Amino acid sequence: MQQEQPNNPLHGVKLSEILQYLVSYYGWEELGNQIKINCFRSNPTIKSSLKFLRRTPWARKKVEDLYLKSID
């Protein structure tokens, strides 16, 4: 049984949804300026960015933090 997480704004939000929101909100160029990682700056795609973010916890944290900042 899944536990409730009322204080976690990321609960139930998939990484792909977060990334798609940020790309539509900022665009790839501004996203690369906000978070300086190559997957956003050099030939970016959703698929390649997700692959990188799933393997790189520090980068995923930056993306999640920017998402939380942008929805407030």
Protein backbone atom coordinates (compact mmCIF):
# COMPACT_ATOMS: atom_id res chain seq x y z
CA MET A 1 0.00 0.00 0.00
CA GLN A 2 1.30 3.46 -0.92
CA GLN A 3 1.77 5.94 1.87
CA GLU A 4 0.27 9.40 1.66
CA GLN A 5 2.76 12.23 1.17
CA PRO A 6 0.73 15.39 1.76
CA ASN A 7 3.81 17.61 2.21
CA ASN A 8 5.65 16.43 -0.90
CA PRO A 9 4.67 18.56 -3.93
CA LEU A 10 6.53 16.14 -6.25
CA HIS A 11 4.51 13.11 -5.14
CA GLY A 12 2.82 11.55 -8.15
CA VAL A 13 4.59 13.80 -10.67
CA LYS A 14 6.75 11.90 -13.17
CA LEU A 15 10.16 13.17 -14.20
CA SER A 16 9.01 13.23 -17.82
CA GLU A 17 6.09 15.50 -16.88
CA ILE A 18 8.43 17.82 -14.99
CA LEU A 19 10.83 18.04 -17.93
CA GLN A 20 8.06 18.61 -20.47
CA TYR A 21 6.63 21.38 -18.30
CA LEU A 22 10.02 23.08 -17.95
CA VAL A 23 10.74 22.88 -21.68
CA SER A 24 7.34 24.39 -22.51
CA TYR A 25 7.75 27.05 -19.80
CA TYR A 26 11.38 28.07 -20.41
CA GLY A 27 12.39 26.50 -23.73
CA TRP A 28 15.64 24.54 -24.18
CA GLU A 29 17.92 27.59 -24.39
CA GLU A 30 16.71 29.21 -21.17
CA LEU A 31 16.57 25.83 -19.43
CA GLY A 32 20.24 25.37 -20.34
CA ASN A 33 20.97 28.81 -18.88
CA GLN A 34 19.08 28.04 -15.67
CA ILE A 35 20.64 24.58 -15.21
CA LYS A 36 24.07 24.38 -16.79
CA ILE A 37 24.22 20.76 -17.95
CA ASN A 38 25.10 19.61 -21.45
CA CYS A 39 21.93 17.58 -22.00
CA PHE A 40 20.04 20.91 -22.12
CA ARG A 41 22.64 22.84 -24.11
CA SER A 42 23.94 20.49 -26.81
CA ASN A 43 21.33 19.01 -29.17
CA PRO A 44 18.69 18.52 -26.43
CA THR A 45 15.84 16.05 -26.62
CA ILE A 46 13.37 14.87 -24.01
CA LYS A 47 14.54 11.27 -24.38
CA SER A 48 18.27 11.95 -23.96
CA SER A 49 17.67 14.40 -21.12
CA LEU A 50 15.51 11.89 -19.24
CA LYS A 51 18.16 9.21 -19.66
CA PHE A 52 20.80 11.53 -18.18
CA LEU A 53 18.59 12.80 -15.35
CA ARG A 54 17.60 9.29 -14.28
CA ARG A 55 21.27 8.33 -13.90
CA THR A 56 22.43 11.59 -12.29
CA PRO A 57 20.85 12.40 -8.91
CA TRP A 58 22.43 15.87 -8.54
CA ALA A 59 21.09 16.97 -11.93
CA ARG A 60 17.64 15.55 -11.22
CA LYS A 61 17.59 17.51 -7.94
CA LYS A 62 18.33 20.74 -9.82
CA VAL A 63 15.52 20.05 -12.28
CA GLU A 64 13.07 19.26 -9.49
CA ASP A 65 14.07 22.42 -7.59
CA LEU A 66 13.58 24.59 -10.68
CA TYR A 67 10.19 22.95 -11.27
CA LEU A 68 9.08 23.69 -7.71
CA LYS A 69 10.27 27.29 -8.04
CA SER A 70 8.42 27.76 -11.33
CA ILE A 71 5.04 26.43 -10.11
CA ASP A 72 4.92 28.62 -6.99
